[in-house]
């Protein structure tokens, strides 16, 4: 589910979200009924149970704990495990070794949407908090956290009923990027044009390499 501040009253509640801050993770993260391998195999195609060590990264510190796994017997899998779905304890299981709390991932979502924050800057901020709290476990690098956040974002259940809490479902103006498609009101006059407008006086460039996989958005 998206963060609470990004949800509408009409949105489907998939599970009960715990109050913040989240409690420490359990000493053993058990498999549960929704366990799955990355190939979608479940209990019916599993081998013996094993317990491995893992690290759960939160907003203010990390905890080393253990996680229950089952060897996946699917022939397409190579050294992969059926792992628990940690949604009920609000944890994202990235790869059975690195796990991240929803609280941490939601905080980056908030930072990015309010004031576009690069991954590196957010990771440095969280790393400083880890150092101040003296947890003894450093935060992950940008490659791992970027993979975790995009995995989390891909799993979010986003409905189509977008609405501004102030302007309602159909605001008069929507600005997607204030840098490229809007101008200050004091600069607004009849001769101003969008940067993509074409005129007989436009500069001609013959050798142009277009970005691949572009998407056409119709008016």
Protein backbone atom coordinates (compact mmCIF):
# COMPACT_ATOMS: atom_id res chain seq x y z
CA UNK A 1 0.00 0.00 0.00
CA UNK A 2 1.16 3.59 -0.60
CA UNK A 3 2.02 5.81 2.40
CA UNK A 4 -0.98 6.94 4.43
CA UNK A 5 -0.58 10.56 3.33
CA UNK A 6 -0.84 9.44 -0.33
CA UNK A 7 -4.02 7.37 0.15
CA UNK A 8 -7.64 8.42 -0.34
CA UNK A 9 -10.49 7.44 1.94
CA UNK A 10 -11.96 5.35 -0.88
CA UNK A 11 -8.75 3.36 -1.48
CA UNK A 12 -8.81 -0.36 -0.79
CA UNK A 13 -7.17 -1.25 2.54
CA UNK A 14 -5.14 -4.38 1.78
CA UNK A 15 -3.84 -4.78 5.32
CA UNK A 16 -3.70 -2.93 8.63
CA UNK A 17 -0.71 -0.60 8.84
CA UNK A 18 1.05 -0.47 12.18
CA UNK A 19 1.60 2.87 13.92
CA UNK A 20 5.00 4.48 13.50
CA UNK A 21 7.74 4.03 14.51
CA UNK A 22 7.71 0.33 13.70
CA UNK A 23 8.81 -2.14 16.40
CA UNK A 24 12.02 -4.16 15.91
CA UNK A 25 11.67 -7.15 13.57
CA UNK A 26 11.03 -10.60 15.07
CA UNK A 27 14.00 -12.76 15.98
CA UNK A 28 12.81 -15.27 13.37
CA UNK A 29 10.86 -14.27 10.25
CA UNK A 30 8.67 -17.30 9.56
CA UNK A 31 7.50 -18.49 6.16
CA UNK A 32 3.74 -18.12 6.59
CA UNK A 33 0.98 -19.07 4.16
CA UNK A 34 1.95 -16.64 1.37
CA UNK A 35 5.51 -17.89 0.87
CA UNK A 36 6.73 -17.83 -2.71
CA UNK A 37 9.87 -18.23 -4.80
CA UNK A 38 10.76 -15.69 -7.45
CA UNK A 39 9.50 -18.25 -10.00
CA UNK A 40 6.08 -18.29 -8.21
CA UNK A 41 6.55 -21.79 -6.80
CA UNK A 42 4.98 -22.34 -3.38
CA UNK A 43 4.92 -24.97 -0.65
CA UNK A 44 3.85 -27.68 -3.10
CA UNK A 45 7.22 -27.45 -4.87
CA UNK A 46 9.52 -26.92 -1.91
CA UNK A 47 12.36 -28.81 -0.31
CA UNK A 48 13.56 -28.97 3.30
CA UNK A 49 13.45 -25.87 5.50
CA UNK A 50 16.61 -23.91 6.23
CA UNK A 51 17.25 -20.89 8.44
CA UNK A 52 19.59 -18.15 7.28
CA UNK A 53 20.81 -14.90 8.77
CA UNK A 54 19.56 -11.63 7.29
CA UNK A 55 19.61 -7.90 8.03
CA UNK A 56 16.52 -5.72 8.31
CA UNK A 57 17.23 -2.06 7.53
CA UNK A 58 14.95 0.50 9.14
CA UNK A 59 14.81 4.27 9.29
CA UNK A 60 17.08 4.70 12.30
CA UNK A 61 19.05 1.46 12.41
CA UNK A 62 19.46 -2.12 11.25
CA UNK A 63 18.77 -5.41 13.00
CA UNK A 64 20.36 -8.80 12.32
CA UNK A 65 17.76 -11.54 12.52
CA UNK A 66 16.95 -14.93 10.98
CA UNK A 67 14.62 -15.93 8.19
CA UNK A 68 12.97 -19.25 7.36
CA UNK A 69 13.46 -20.50 3.80
CA UNK A 70 12.69 -23.61 1.78
CA UNK A 71 14.75 -24.85 -1.14
CA UNK A 72 12.85 -24.41 -4.42
CA UNK A 73 12.62 -27.66 -6.38
CA UNK A 74 11.70 -25.95 -9.64
CA UNK A 75 14.22 -27.02 -12.26
CA UNK A 76 14.34 -23.46 -13.62
CA UNK A 77 15.68 -22.15 -10.33
CA UNK A 78 19.35 -22.31 -9.47
CA UNK A 79 20.11 -22.08 -5.76
CA UNK A 80 16.90 -20.19 -5.05
CA UNK A 81 14.61 -20.39 -2.06
CA UNK A 82 10.93 -20.08 -1.30
CA UNK A 83 10.78 -17.16 1.11
CA UNK A 84 8.16 -15.52 3.34
CA UNK A 85 5.96 -12.64 2.27
CA UNK A 86 6.79 -10.06 4.93
CA UNK A 87 3.95 -7.67 4.10
CA UNK A 88 2.10 -8.30 7.36
CA UNK A 89 5.12 -7.14 9.37
CA UNK A 90 5.68 -4.26 6.90
CA UNK A 91 9.03 -5.45 5.59
CA UNK A 92 10.21 -5.79 1.99
CA UNK A 93 12.29 -8.91 1.39
CA UNK A 94 14.67 -7.98 -1.40
CA UNK A 95 16.74 -11.15 -1.70
CA UNK A 96 16.52 -13.04 1.64
CA UNK A 97 19.67 -11.23 2.77
CA UNK A 98 18.71 -7.56 2.60
CA UNK A 99 15.30 -6.63 3.99
CA UNK A 100 13.86 -3.12 4.35
CA UNK A 101 11.03 -1.75 6.48
CA UNK A 102 8.12 -0.05 4.75
CA UNK A 103 8.74 2.90 7.08
CA UNK A 104 12.16 3.50 5.49
CA UNK A 105 10.90 3.09 1.93
CA UNK A 106 7.92 5.35 2.56
CA UNK A 107 10.23 8.02 3.95
CA UNK A 108 12.16 8.12 0.68
CA UNK A 109 8.87 8.30 -1.23
CA UNK A 110 7.93 11.31 0.88
CA UNK A 111 11.33 12.97 0.41
CA UNK A 112 11.26 12.42 -3.35
CA UNK A 113 7.72 13.70 -3.92
CA UNK A 114 8.02 16.79 -1.72
CA UNK A 115 11.52 17.88 -2.78
CA UNK A 116 13.15 15.71 -5.48
CA UNK A 117 15.83 13.93 -3.46
CA UNK A 118 18.49 11.81 -5.22
CA UNK A 119 19.09 8.31 -3.90
CA UNK A 120 22.66 9.18 -2.94
CA UNK A 121 21.58 12.18 -0.85
CA UNK A 122 18.91 10.19 0.99
CA UNK A 123 21.32 7.30 1.63
CA UNK A 124 23.87 9.73 3.07
CA UNK A 125 21.22 11.21 5.38
CA UNK A 126 20.14 7.77 6.62
CA UNK A 127 23.78 6.70 7.01
CA UNK A 128 24.41 9.71 9.25
CA UNK A 129 21.43 8.70 11.38
CA UNK A 130 22.80 5.17 11.66
CA UNK A 131 26.16 6.56 12.81
CA UNK A 132 24.51 8.85 15.39
CA UNK A 133 22.46 5.98 16.82
CA UNK A 134 25.53 3.76 17.08
CA UNK A 135 23.86 0.66 15.68
CA UNK A 136 27.20 -0.74 14.49
CA UNK A 137 25.71 -1.79 11.14
CA UNK A 138 26.27 0.63 8.24
CA UNK A 139 23.50 1.41 5.79
CA UNK A 140 23.50 -0.17 2.31
CA UNK A 141 24.97 1.45 -0.79
CA UNK A 142 22.95 3.25 -3.45
CA UNK A 143 22.86 0.22 -5.79
CA UNK A 144 21.12 -1.99 -3.22
CA UNK A 145 18.75 0.68 -1.91
CA UNK A 146 17.77 1.73 -5.43
CA UNK A 147 16.90 -1.89 -6.26
CA UNK A 148 14.89 -2.18 -3.03
CA UNK A 149 12.90 1.02 -3.57
CA UNK A 150 12.00 0.25 -7.19
CA UNK A 151 10.95 -3.25 -6.15
CA UNK A 152 8.75 -1.72 -3.45
CA UNK A 153 7.31 0.86 -5.86
CA UNK A 154 6.50 -1.86 -8.39
CA UNK A 155 4.51 -3.76 -5.75
CA UNK A 156 2.41 -0.77 -4.64
CA UNK A 157 -1.31 -1.13 -5.29
CA UNK A 158 -2.10 2.19 -6.96
CA UNK A 159 -5.71 2.79 -7.92
CA UNK A 160 -6.85 5.15 -10.68
CA UNK A 161 -8.90 7.49 -8.50
CA UNK A 162 -6.34 10.30 -8.16
CA UNK A 163 -7.62 13.42 -6.42
CA UNK A 164 -6.21 16.53 -4.78
CA UNK A 165 -7.44 16.99 -1.22
CA UNK A 166 -7.89 20.73 -1.87
CA UNK A 167 -8.90 21.01 -5.56
CA UNK A 168 -10.87 17.77 -5.91
CA UNK A 169 -10.67 15.14 -8.69
CA UNK A 170 -10.45 17.64 -11.60
CA UNK A 171 -8.22 20.67 -10.83
CA UNK A 172 -8.09 23.49 -13.37
CA UNK A 173 -4.30 23.15 -13.79
CA UNK A 174 -1.92 20.27 -13.23
CA UNK A 175 1.85 20.89 -13.35
CA UNK A 176 3.94 17.75 -13.82
CA UNK A 177 7.33 19.44 -14.05
CA UNK A 178 7.53 23.12 -13.20
CA UNK A 179 10.88 23.51 -14.94
CA UNK A 180 10.02 22.37 -18.46
CA UNK A 181 6.32 23.07 -19.06
CA UNK A 182 5.40 26.08 -16.95
CA UNK A 183 6.44 29.67 -16.48
CA UNK A 184 6.25 32.23 -13.72
CA UNK A 185 3.01 34.21 -13.85
CA UNK A 186 4.93 37.51 -14.19
CA UNK A 187 6.51 36.18 -17.42
CA UNK A 188 3.19 35.20 -18.98
CA UNK A 189 2.40 37.18 -22.17
CA UNK A 190 1.16 36.46 -25.67
CA UNK A 191 4.56 35.77 -27.27
CA UNK A 192 5.71 33.11 -24.81
CA UNK A 193 5.73 29.55 -26.16
CA UNK A 194 6.55 26.11 -24.73
CA UNK A 195 10.16 24.98 -25.32
CA UNK A 196 8.91 22.25 -27.68
CA UNK A 197 7.00 24.64 -29.99
CA UNK A 198 8.08 24.63 -33.67
CA UNK A 199 8.22 27.74 -35.84
CA UNK A 200 9.78 28.73 -39.22
CA UNK A 201 12.65 30.26 -37.24
CA UNK A 202 13.43 27.13 -35.24
CA UNK A 203 17.02 25.92 -35.30
CA UNK A 204 17.67 23.08 -37.74
CA UNK A 205 19.67 20.10 -36.50
CA UNK A 206 20.30 17.33 -39.01
CA UNK A 207 22.18 14.78 -36.90
CA UNK A 208 19.78 13.97 -34.11
CA UNK A 209 19.72 10.73 -32.11
CA UNK A 210 16.31 10.12 -30.59
CA UNK A 211 15.88 8.47 -27.22
CA UNK A 212 14.67 4.89 -27.62
CA UNK A 213 11.31 3.63 -26.30
CA UNK A 214 9.64 7.04 -26.11
CA UNK A 215 5.93 7.21 -25.24
CA UNK A 216 3.43 9.39 -27.13
CA UNK A 217 0.94 11.13 -24.83
CA UNK A 218 -2.09 12.30 -26.77
CA UNK A 219 -3.97 15.48 -25.78
